[in-house]
Protein backbone atom coordinates (compact mmCIF):
# COMPACT_ATOMS: atom_id res chain seq x y z
CA MET A 1 -28.50 -20.40 -0.09
CA LYS A 2 -25.15 -22.22 0.37
CA TYR A 3 -22.54 -23.42 -2.39
CA PRO A 4 -20.19 -25.93 -0.77
CA ALA A 5 -16.77 -26.58 -2.47
CA GLN A 6 -16.43 -30.20 -3.61
CA ASP A 7 -13.91 -31.78 -1.55
CA GLN A 8 -13.46 -35.55 -1.08
CA ASN A 9 -12.22 -35.11 2.45
CA ILE A 10 -15.46 -34.71 4.52
CA GLN A 11 -13.55 -32.88 7.38
CA ASP A 12 -12.38 -30.12 4.94
CA SER A 13 -14.69 -27.38 3.62
CA VAL A 14 -15.12 -23.99 1.84
CA THR A 15 -18.32 -22.76 2.07
CA LEU A 16 -19.75 -19.54 0.58
CA ALA A 17 -23.31 -18.71 2.30
CA ALA A 18 -25.15 -16.09 0.39
CA THR A 19 -28.71 -14.58 1.02
CA THR A 20 -30.46 -11.58 -0.54
CA THR A 21 -28.44 -9.16 1.79
CA SER A 22 -25.33 -10.81 2.85
CA ALA A 23 -22.37 -13.43 1.85
CA SER A 24 -19.70 -15.02 3.65
CA VAL A 25 -16.88 -17.42 2.94
CA GLU A 26 -15.65 -19.89 5.51
CA ILE A 27 -12.70 -21.98 5.21
CA ARG A 28 -11.92 -25.11 7.38
CA GLY A 29 -9.12 -28.04 7.24
CA SER A 30 -6.34 -28.88 5.19
CA VAL A 31 -8.63 -27.50 1.98
CA VAL A 32 -7.03 -24.08 2.64
CA SER A 33 -4.11 -25.43 0.40
CA ARG A 34 -6.53 -26.00 -2.57
CA VAL A 35 -8.23 -22.61 -2.23
CA THR A 36 -7.26 -21.57 -5.75
CA ASP A 37 -9.62 -24.23 -7.16
CA THR A 38 -12.32 -23.91 -4.67
CA LEU A 39 -12.53 -20.26 -4.96
CA LEU A 40 -12.87 -20.63 -8.55
CA ASP A 41 -16.01 -22.60 -7.80
CA LEU A 42 -17.07 -20.25 -5.36
CA ILE A 43 -16.64 -17.26 -7.20
CA SER A 44 -18.67 -18.10 -10.20
CA PRO A 45 -22.20 -18.29 -8.64
CA PHE A 46 -21.34 -15.56 -6.23
CA THR A 47 -20.38 -13.02 -8.88
CA ASN A 48 -23.44 -14.30 -11.20
CA SER A 49 -25.69 -12.97 -8.34
CA ILE A 50 -24.09 -9.34 -8.33
CA GLY A 51 -24.65 -8.86 -12.03
CA TRP A 52 -21.20 -10.22 -13.69
CA VAL A 53 -22.96 -12.41 -16.18
CA GLY A 54 -22.89 -10.99 -19.72
CA ASP A 55 -19.93 -8.43 -18.55
CA GLN A 56 -17.63 -8.39 -21.54
CA LEU A 57 -14.68 -8.54 -19.10
CA SER A 58 -16.09 -11.05 -16.90
CA TYR A 59 -13.52 -13.63 -18.06
CA ALA A 60 -10.47 -11.35 -17.39
CA ARG A 61 -11.95 -10.16 -14.14
CA ARG A 62 -12.54 -13.58 -13.00
CA GLU A 63 -9.14 -14.55 -13.91
CA ALA A 64 -7.82 -11.50 -12.03
CA ALA A 65 -9.66 -12.39 -8.86
CA ILE A 66 -8.51 -16.00 -8.86
CA ARG A 67 -4.84 -14.58 -9.51
CA ALA A 68 -5.14 -12.80 -6.00
CA ALA A 69 -6.97 -15.61 -4.47
CA SER A 70 -4.06 -18.05 -5.39
CA ARG A 71 -1.66 -15.81 -3.92
CA ALA A 72 -3.68 -15.17 -0.76
CA GLN A 73 -3.90 -19.17 -0.44
CA GLU A 74 0.01 -19.16 -0.70
CA GLN A 75 0.24 -16.70 2.07
CA LEU A 76 -2.33 -18.69 4.26
CA LYS A 77 -0.56 -21.91 3.80
CA ARG A 78 2.86 -20.51 4.71
CA GLU A 79 1.53 -19.12 7.93
CA GLY A 80 -0.37 -22.34 8.76
CA ILE A 81 -4.05 -20.92 8.69
CA THR A 82 -6.52 -23.73 8.20
CA SER A 83 -9.68 -21.92 9.09
CA GLY A 84 -11.22 -18.48 8.90
CA LYS A 85 -14.02 -16.36 7.90
CA VAL A 86 -14.21 -13.28 5.59
CA PRO A 87 -17.30 -11.19 6.62
CA PRO A 88 -19.81 -10.37 3.88
CA LYS A 89 -19.16 -6.51 3.95
CA ILE A 90 -15.56 -7.17 3.23
CA LEU A 91 -15.97 -10.11 0.80
CA LEU A 92 -18.14 -8.38 -1.61
CA PRO A 93 -16.11 -5.27 -2.25
CA TRP A 94 -12.60 -7.39 -2.12
CA LEU A 95 -14.20 -9.73 -4.99
CA GLU A 96 -15.17 -6.58 -7.09
CA GLY A 97 -11.83 -4.68 -6.50
CA ALA A 98 -9.47 -7.64 -6.95
CA SER A 99 -11.30 -8.57 -10.24
CA GLN A 100 -10.39 -5.30 -11.67
CA GLU A 101 -6.56 -5.48 -11.69
CA THR A 102 -6.61 -7.13 -15.12
CA ASP A 103 -3.17 -5.55 -16.09
CA GLN A 104 -1.50 -8.40 -13.92
CA SER A 105 0.48 -5.77 -11.80
CA ASP A 106 2.21 -7.78 -9.13
CA ASN A 107 2.50 -5.13 -6.67
CA LEU A 108 -1.44 -4.72 -6.85
CA THR A 109 -2.15 -8.32 -6.94
CA ASP A 110 0.01 -8.92 -3.94
CA ALA A 111 -1.78 -6.00 -2.15
CA TRP A 112 -5.19 -7.93 -2.94
CA ALA A 113 -3.89 -10.90 -1.78
CA GLY A 114 -2.62 -9.53 1.43
CA LEU A 115 -5.73 -7.94 2.23
CA PHE A 116 -7.53 -11.13 2.00
CA VAL A 117 -5.20 -12.83 4.21
CA ARG A 118 -5.42 -9.86 6.61
CA SER A 119 -9.17 -10.34 6.51
CA VAL A 120 -9.11 -13.86 7.45
CA LYS A 121 -6.73 -13.15 10.30
CA SER A 122 -8.37 -10.08 11.55
CA PRO A 123 -11.54 -9.14 9.95
CA ASP A 124 -12.01 -5.58 11.26
CA THR A 125 -14.23 -3.40 9.23
CA VAL A 126 -11.30 -0.81 8.59
CA VAL A 127 -10.21 -3.23 5.84
CA ILE A 128 -13.21 -2.16 3.68
CA SER A 129 -11.78 1.51 3.50
CA TYR A 130 -8.50 -0.06 2.34
CA ILE A 131 -10.20 -1.93 -0.43
CA GLU A 132 -11.93 1.19 -1.58
CA THR A 133 -8.90 3.14 -1.58
CA LEU A 134 -6.84 0.42 -3.26
CA ARG A 135 -9.32 0.17 -6.14
CA LYS A 136 -8.32 3.98 -6.98
CA LEU A 137 -4.63 3.21 -7.18
CA GLY A 138 -2.47 2.37 -10.11
CA ARG A 139 0.50 0.33 -10.36
CA LYS A 140 2.95 3.38 -10.19
CA GLU A 141 1.17 4.72 -7.21
CA ALA A 142 1.25 1.39 -5.38
CA GLU A 143 4.85 0.92 -5.81
CA LEU A 144 5.58 4.45 -4.49
CA LEU A 145 3.41 3.99 -1.41
CA LYS A 146 5.22 0.71 -0.66
CA PHE A 147 8.38 2.20 -1.09
CA PHE A 148 8.11 4.75 1.55
CA ALA A 149 5.89 2.95 4.07
CA THR A 150 8.04 -0.24 4.33
CA ASP A 151 11.21 2.14 5.15
CA THR A 152 10.82 1.10 8.72
CA ALA A 153 9.14 -1.37 10.91
CA PRO A 154 5.21 -1.53 11.34
CA SER A 155 5.37 -0.40 14.92
CA TYR A 156 6.65 3.11 13.74
CA SER A 157 2.67 3.98 13.19
CA LEU A 158 2.61 4.60 17.06
CA LYS A 159 4.91 7.83 16.26
CA PHE A 160 2.30 9.41 13.82
CA TYR A 161 0.58 10.57 17.12
CA HIS A 162 3.62 12.41 18.06
CA ARG A 163 5.30 12.98 14.91
CA ASP A 164 6.74 16.37 15.47
CA ALA A 165 9.43 15.08 17.96
CA ASP A 166 10.63 13.02 15.23
CA GLY A 167 10.13 15.41 12.15
CA ILE A 168 12.77 14.94 9.58
CA PHE A 169 13.33 18.92 8.90
CA LEU A 170 12.69 20.23 12.33
CA ASP A 171 15.29 22.14 14.14
CA SER A 172 15.18 19.36 16.86
CA ASN A 173 16.28 16.67 14.49
CA PRO A 174 20.08 15.85 15.10
CA LEU A 175 20.66 15.23 11.35
CA LEU A 176 19.41 18.52 10.07
CA PRO A 177 22.61 20.31 10.46
CA ARG A 178 24.10 17.57 8.35
CA LEU A 179 21.58 18.27 5.68
CA ILE A 180 22.37 21.80 5.79
CA ASN A 181 26.35 21.49 5.52
CA ARG A 182 25.41 19.37 2.51
CA LEU A 183 23.49 22.09 0.94
CA GLU A 184 25.97 24.57 1.61
CA LYS A 185 28.46 22.72 -0.22
CA THR A 186 26.60 22.00 -3.29
CA LEU A 187 25.07 25.66 -3.34
CA HIS A 188 28.82 26.77 -3.14
CA SER A 189 29.55 24.81 -6.48
CA LYS A 190 26.72 26.92 -8.20
CA ASN A 191 26.44 24.01 -10.47
CA ALA A 192 22.56 23.85 -11.08
CA LYS A 193 22.55 20.17 -12.15
CA ASP A 194 24.48 19.15 -8.87
CA ILE A 195 21.96 21.13 -6.73
CA GLU A 196 19.14 19.48 -8.66
CA GLU A 197 20.52 16.10 -8.04
CA THR A 198 21.12 16.85 -4.27
CA PHE A 199 17.50 17.68 -3.84
CA ASP A 200 16.25 14.82 -5.75
CA LYS A 201 18.18 12.44 -3.59
CA ILE A 202 16.98 13.64 -0.45
CA GLY A 203 14.54 10.90 0.27
CA PHE A 204 14.69 9.88 3.99
CA GLN A 205 13.71 6.93 6.03
CA GLY A 206 11.18 9.24 7.51
CA MET A 207 9.08 8.44 4.55
CA CYS A 208 9.29 11.65 2.82
CA GLN A 209 10.73 13.20 -0.42
CA ILE A 210 11.38 16.76 -1.49
CA ILE A 211 9.55 17.80 -4.88
CA PHE A 212 10.26 21.45 -5.05
CA TYR A 213 13.12 23.92 -3.83
CA THR A 214 13.60 27.38 -3.95
CA SER A 215 17.05 29.49 -3.77
CA ASP A 216 18.58 32.80 -4.62
CA LEU A 217 20.58 30.64 -7.24
CA THR A 218 18.10 28.56 -8.79
CA GLY A 219 14.77 30.38 -8.48
CA THR A 220 11.80 27.81 -7.64
CA GLN A 221 12.64 24.34 -9.33
CA ALA A 222 10.76 20.89 -9.17
CA THR A 223 12.75 18.04 -8.71
CA PRO A 224 13.11 15.17 -11.07
CA PHE A 225 11.21 12.89 -8.87
CA PHE A 226 8.45 15.36 -9.02
CA LYS A 227 8.49 15.69 -12.76
CA GLU A 228 8.54 11.88 -13.31
CA ASN A 229 5.49 11.16 -10.70
CA GLU A 230 3.53 14.29 -10.90
CA HIS A 231 0.11 12.75 -11.53
CA GLU A 232 0.83 10.19 -9.08
CA ILE A 233 1.55 12.46 -6.41
CA SER A 234 -1.51 14.57 -7.19
CA ASN A 235 -3.71 11.55 -6.96
CA LEU A 236 -2.15 10.07 -3.73
CA GLU A 237 -2.57 13.71 -2.08
CA HIS A 238 -6.24 13.74 -3.35
CA LEU A 239 -6.83 10.32 -1.62
CA GLY A 240 -5.32 11.48 1.74
CA LEU A 241 -2.45 9.22 1.58
CA ILE A 242 0.28 11.76 1.34
CA SER A 243 0.42 15.47 2.71
CA ILE A 244 2.22 18.18 1.33
CA ARG A 245 4.56 20.26 3.93
CA SER A 246 7.37 23.19 3.37
CA ARG A 247 9.78 24.96 5.39
CA ALA A 248 12.98 27.34 4.93
CA LEU A 249 16.38 26.21 5.66
CA PRO A 250 18.99 28.84 6.52
CA THR A 251 22.37 28.64 4.68
CA SER A 252 25.16 30.95 3.98
CA HIS A 253 23.71 31.49 0.50
CA GLY A 254 20.43 32.61 1.82
CA ALA A 255 17.21 30.71 2.90
CA VAL A 256 16.35 27.59 0.93
CA GLU A 257 12.63 26.86 0.65
CA ILE A 258 11.87 23.25 0.48
CA VAL A 259 8.44 21.47 -0.39
CA TRP A 260 8.12 18.08 0.35
CA PHE A 261 5.47 15.23 0.84
CA GLU A 262 5.19 12.85 3.48
CA ILE A 263 2.89 9.46 3.72
CA THR A 264 -0.07 9.90 6.22
CA LYS A 265 -0.79 7.30 8.92
CA TYR A 266 -3.69 5.97 6.93
CA ALA A 267 -1.33 5.08 4.04
CA PHE A 268 1.27 3.60 6.29
CA ASP A 269 -1.58 1.38 8.02
CA MET A 270 -3.06 0.39 4.51
CA VAL A 271 0.29 -0.70 3.03
CA TRP A 272 1.19 -2.78 5.88
CA ALA A 273 -2.43 -4.28 6.06
CA CYS A 274 -1.62 -5.24 2.52
CA LEU A 275 1.27 -7.11 3.79
CA ARG A 276 -1.07 -9.11 6.07
CA THR A 277 0.45 -6.92 9.07
CA LEU A 278 -1.16 -4.90 11.98
CA THR A 279 0.69 -1.76 12.57
CA GLY A 280 1.53 -0.17 16.22
CA ASP A 281 2.31 -4.01 17.49
CA THR A 282 5.83 -3.95 18.85
CA LYS A 283 5.74 -7.46 18.73
CA THR A 284 5.11 -7.80 14.88
CA SER A 285 7.95 -8.83 12.73
CA ARG A 286 8.55 -6.86 9.69
CA PRO A 287 8.01 -9.15 6.44
CA LYS A 288 10.77 -9.12 3.92
CA THR A 289 9.65 -6.65 0.98
CA LYS A 290 11.34 -5.59 -2.17
CA ALA A 291 11.37 -1.81 -2.81
CA THR A 292 12.20 0.22 -5.63
CA GLY A 293 13.56 3.60 -5.89
CA ASN A 294 16.74 5.68 -4.52
CA LYS A 295 17.18 7.20 -1.07
CA ALA A 296 19.97 9.18 0.39
């Protein structure tokens, strides 16, 4: 069964093809500039077929899906894309997931829109796993991931395969002595507040953040960053989007043990997929993004 979008221009078309086992959406011609209206027509019969009729949240969920689709349309238009096809195995979970963002979070709506555009541009099945993961993220978690993942160009993903060579806290890192010297000066002051602020501000462009530290002067302490984001950090670790690491740094005041998290390659790739970008491609330009938070 097919549900063609109503359009006066016979050369333009947006069509949802649905069977008992599959569905797909195909966009052709300048109609992509009006995809908000046409997807509204498409979503209604399609969602009916998967049991959204009678759902008490059906109106809000439809509005959420249309909001994400509208932003996807704007992105497609900016990139001059006038045709494409989203595979059935991506379209179904995308509609289901995008429709659940009823709190109107800009970051999450943009992420869903980006995944739709990515699916039109490159309909690889890895997007399905991104969709499933994105459904488990809250607004704050999405903001944290975007903040850390967009610190560098998408081509950085290649370095995840030999990351120890560039590890932030490895002895081979030329910046490590500067960090230790900074810690020396802070520990020498013996001011607990200054020490806490120093560790809390150690957020690097290596996509990591200190969450605990232990020294003879302070004992074991959690950073304010961890206290503020404890539950988000726990969920991100559970989903495999960050990993927790630790090491001891030698100082004249004794060894200082630090515990930090850093994002995984999967998280890095997922964030850039939500920005419509393939990672690992040295020719890929870095989209302009707005990040929140402090880094030192």
